[in-house]
Amino acid sequence: MKLFLLAFAPVALACGTTVLPAVASAQDAENLDQAKLQIATDILDRAHPEETRFEMFHKVSRQIEAQMMDSLDGLVSDPGAREIIVTFQADISTEQQKILRHHVPLLMEAWAQSYADIFTYQELQDIRDFVATESGRSFMAKSTDVVSHPAFATANQAYLDETIALAMHRMPELTAALEAHAEAQY
């Protein structure tokens, strides 16, 4: 059982890093062009008003969680073990939401910093102009909906199933390496 739960860690990290931006350091923020950062912040304020941000991130998180839990079907044949995992995830879901709610402002700040670092000043102005249109706001607001669209969800589920199967197959190798490392420490 421990091995099964450990198998989810690499997959969760891989999924999480593609969906949620990493929080930049304070020094990185200081080094950014403040004019670019202001435009990037304006883009995100227009595209994702504050009252919609938690639900946007939470929706993506729920979709990934659902796909991870769907992967249990091929990996855990014992109904009792499956029920324990499902109950465990349901039990921590509320706590995960509280953690996410705390991190949303940090994620949005990092997102703006990322935009300011990645895009040129002119590109940011063009994006802001696009986001100022109804189509632009709609595009930005719906961009995270791709994760839960059936076509993407089906393709992503196949990816998750293979990734988790690989992690499970290689878990004895990881366990042996960790045990050898722990023994060498004592």
Protein backbone atom coordinates (compact mmCIF):
# COMPACT_ATOMS: atom_id res chain seq x y z
CA MET A 1 0.00 0.00 0.00
CA LYS A 2 2.79 2.44 0.89
CA LEU A 3 4.38 1.69 -2.45
CA PHE A 4 1.16 2.48 -4.26
CA LEU A 5 0.81 5.83 -2.52
CA LEU A 6 4.46 6.65 -3.20
CA ALA A 7 3.86 5.92 -6.87
CA PHE A 8 1.51 8.88 -7.06
CA ALA A 9 4.15 11.36 -5.89
CA PRO A 10 6.19 11.56 -9.12
CA VAL A 11 3.03 11.69 -11.21
CA ALA A 12 1.49 14.40 -9.04
CA LEU A 13 4.65 16.43 -9.26
CA ALA A 14 4.79 16.02 -13.02
CA CYS A 15 1.17 17.05 -13.39
CA GLY A 16 1.37 19.86 -10.91
CA THR A 17 4.32 21.51 -12.52
CA THR A 18 2.65 21.62 -15.91
CA VAL A 19 -0.55 23.12 -14.58
CA LEU A 20 0.45 25.44 -11.79
CA PRO A 21 3.29 27.98 -12.06
CA ALA A 22 6.13 27.81 -9.55
CA VAL A 23 6.40 30.64 -7.05
CA ALA A 24 9.27 32.93 -7.96
CA SER A 25 11.65 34.24 -5.35
CA ALA A 26 11.42 37.80 -4.05
CA GLN A 27 14.78 38.55 -5.67
CA ASP A 28 13.46 37.42 -9.05
CA ALA A 29 10.53 39.82 -8.66
CA GLU A 30 12.90 42.69 -7.84
CA ASN A 31 14.87 42.05 -11.03
CA LEU A 32 11.81 42.23 -13.29
CA ASP A 33 10.96 45.29 -15.32
CA GLN A 34 8.22 46.88 -13.22
CA ALA A 35 6.41 48.26 -16.27
CA LYS A 36 6.22 44.75 -17.74
CA LEU A 37 5.10 43.35 -14.38
CA GLN A 38 2.31 45.93 -14.18
CA ILE A 39 1.03 44.98 -17.64
CA ALA A 40 1.27 41.27 -16.78
CA THR A 41 -0.68 41.86 -13.57
CA ASP A 42 -3.29 43.83 -15.51
CA ILE A 43 -3.63 40.96 -18.01
CA LEU A 44 -4.31 38.49 -15.19
CA ASP A 45 -6.66 40.87 -13.37
CA ARG A 46 -8.73 41.22 -16.54
CA ALA A 47 -8.55 37.54 -17.51
CA HIS A 48 -9.00 36.04 -14.08
CA PRO A 49 -10.77 38.40 -11.67
CA GLU A 50 -9.92 37.73 -8.04
CA GLU A 51 -13.31 36.15 -7.28
CA THR A 52 -12.77 33.48 -9.98
CA ARG A 53 -9.19 32.47 -9.20
CA PHE A 54 -9.68 29.87 -6.50
CA GLU A 55 -12.33 28.04 -8.52
CA MET A 56 -10.11 28.11 -11.63
CA PHE A 57 -7.22 26.42 -9.81
CA HIS A 58 -9.54 24.14 -7.84
CA LYS A 59 -11.26 22.94 -11.01
CA VAL A 60 -7.93 21.93 -12.54
CA SER A 61 -6.90 20.26 -9.29
CA ARG A 62 -10.19 18.31 -9.09
CA GLN A 63 -9.79 17.12 -12.68
CA ILE A 64 -6.26 15.87 -12.10
CA GLU A 65 -7.34 14.21 -8.85
CA ALA A 66 -10.26 12.50 -10.62
CA GLN A 67 -7.94 11.19 -13.32
CA MET A 68 -5.46 9.95 -10.71
CA MET A 69 -8.25 8.18 -8.85
CA ASP A 70 -9.53 6.67 -12.11
CA SER A 71 -6.07 5.17 -12.53
CA LEU A 72 -6.71 3.09 -9.42
CA ASP A 73 -8.90 0.73 -11.44
CA GLY A 74 -5.95 -0.88 -13.18
CA LEU A 75 -3.61 -0.80 -10.20
CA VAL A 76 -5.56 -1.75 -7.09
CA SER A 77 -7.66 -4.88 -7.45
CA ASP A 78 -8.50 -5.24 -3.76
CA PRO A 79 -11.83 -3.43 -3.18
CA GLY A 80 -10.96 -2.79 0.48
CA ALA A 81 -7.63 -1.21 -0.41
CA ARG A 82 -9.29 0.89 -3.08
CA GLU A 83 -11.91 2.10 -0.61
CA ILE A 84 -9.19 3.08 1.89
CA ILE A 85 -7.43 5.16 -0.78
CA VAL A 86 -10.67 6.79 -1.95
CA THR A 87 -11.69 7.60 1.64
CA PHE A 88 -8.23 8.95 2.44
CA GLN A 89 -8.33 11.28 -0.56
CA ALA A 90 -11.84 12.45 0.29
CA ASP A 91 -10.76 13.10 3.89
CA ILE A 92 -7.81 15.30 2.92
CA SER A 93 -9.63 17.10 0.12
CA THR A 94 -10.94 19.85 2.42
CA GLU A 95 -7.47 20.45 3.81
CA GLN A 96 -6.04 20.55 0.30
CA GLN A 97 -8.61 23.21 -0.62
CA LYS A 98 -7.50 25.35 2.33
CA ILE A 99 -3.89 25.00 1.25
CA LEU A 100 -4.80 25.92 -2.32
CA ARG A 101 -6.82 28.95 -1.16
CA HIS A 102 -3.75 30.18 0.73
CA HIS A 103 -1.51 29.71 -2.31
CA VAL A 104 -3.73 31.23 -4.99
CA PRO A 105 -2.48 34.82 -4.41
CA LEU A 106 1.12 33.56 -4.49
CA LEU A 107 0.44 31.59 -7.66
CA MET A 108 -1.13 34.61 -9.35
CA GLU A 109 1.81 36.79 -8.36
CA ALA A 110 4.22 34.21 -9.72
CA TRP A 111 2.13 33.91 -12.88
CA ALA A 112 2.41 37.67 -13.45
CA GLN A 113 6.15 37.51 -12.78
CA SER A 114 6.45 34.66 -15.27
CA TYR A 115 4.59 36.62 -17.93
CA ALA A 116 6.78 39.67 -17.28
CA ASP A 117 9.90 37.56 -17.62
CA ILE A 118 8.80 35.51 -20.64
CA PHE A 119 7.10 38.09 -22.86
CA THR A 120 8.47 41.29 -24.32
CA TYR A 121 6.92 44.62 -23.44
CA GLN A 122 5.23 44.78 -26.85
CA GLU A 123 3.90 41.23 -26.55
CA LEU A 124 2.46 42.04 -23.15
CA GLN A 125 0.75 45.13 -24.55
CA ASP A 126 -0.69 43.05 -27.40
CA ILE A 127 -1.91 40.38 -24.99
CA ARG A 128 -3.49 43.05 -22.75
CA ASP A 129 -5.25 44.52 -25.80
CA PHE A 130 -6.54 41.05 -26.70
CA VAL A 131 -7.69 40.35 -23.15
CA ALA A 132 -9.55 43.67 -23.18
CA THR A 133 -11.85 42.24 -25.88
CA GLU A 134 -14.75 39.93 -25.14
CA SER A 135 -13.08 37.14 -27.14
CA GLY A 136 -9.82 37.66 -25.27
CA ARG A 137 -11.49 37.50 -21.86
CA SER A 138 -13.39 34.40 -22.94
CA PHE A 139 -10.22 32.75 -24.27
CA MET A 140 -8.33 33.40 -21.05
CA ALA A 141 -11.23 32.39 -18.80
CA LYS A 142 -11.72 29.12 -20.67
CA SER A 143 -8.06 28.26 -21.21
CA THR A 144 -7.92 26.08 -18.10
CA ASP A 145 -11.14 24.31 -19.12
CA VAL A 146 -9.06 22.37 -21.64
CA VAL A 147 -7.92 20.05 -18.83
CA SER A 148 -11.47 18.85 -18.19
CA HIS A 149 -12.61 18.70 -21.81
CA PRO A 150 -13.38 15.05 -22.66
CA ALA A 151 -10.85 14.90 -25.52
CA PHE A 152 -7.99 16.20 -23.39
CA ALA A 153 -9.10 14.26 -20.29
CA THR A 154 -9.12 11.00 -22.27
CA ALA A 155 -5.66 11.62 -23.70
CA ASN A 156 -4.33 12.69 -20.30
CA GLN A 157 -5.89 9.65 -18.62
CA ALA A 158 -3.98 7.37 -20.98
CA TYR A 159 -0.77 9.26 -20.13
CA LEU A 160 -1.45 8.99 -16.39
CA ASP A 161 -2.28 5.29 -16.60
CA GLU A 162 1.02 4.55 -18.36
CA THR A 163 3.03 6.83 -16.08
CA ILE A 164 1.58 5.32 -12.92
CA ALA A 165 2.08 1.79 -14.28
CA LEU A 166 5.74 2.63 -14.97
CA ALA A 167 6.17 4.06 -11.47
CA MET A 168 4.59 0.95 -9.94
CA HIS A 169 6.79 -1.33 -12.05
CA ARG A 170 9.92 0.56 -10.99
CA MET A 171 8.86 0.98 -7.33
CA PRO A 172 10.89 -2.05 -6.10
CA GLU A 173 13.99 -0.44 -7.59
CA LEU A 174 13.28 2.83 -5.76
CA THR A 175 12.49 1.03 -2.51
CA ALA A 176 15.73 -0.97 -2.70
CA ALA A 177 17.77 2.17 -3.39
CA LEU A 178 16.14 4.02 -0.48
CA GLU A 179 16.65 1.06 1.87
CA ALA A 180 20.31 0.79 0.84
CA HIS A 181 20.77 4.52 1.40
CA ALA A 182 19.11 4.34 4.83
CA GLU A 183 21.30 1.38 5.84
CA ALA A 184 24.44 3.20 4.71
CA GLN A 185 23.53 6.12 6.95
CA TYR A 186 23.66 4.03 10.13
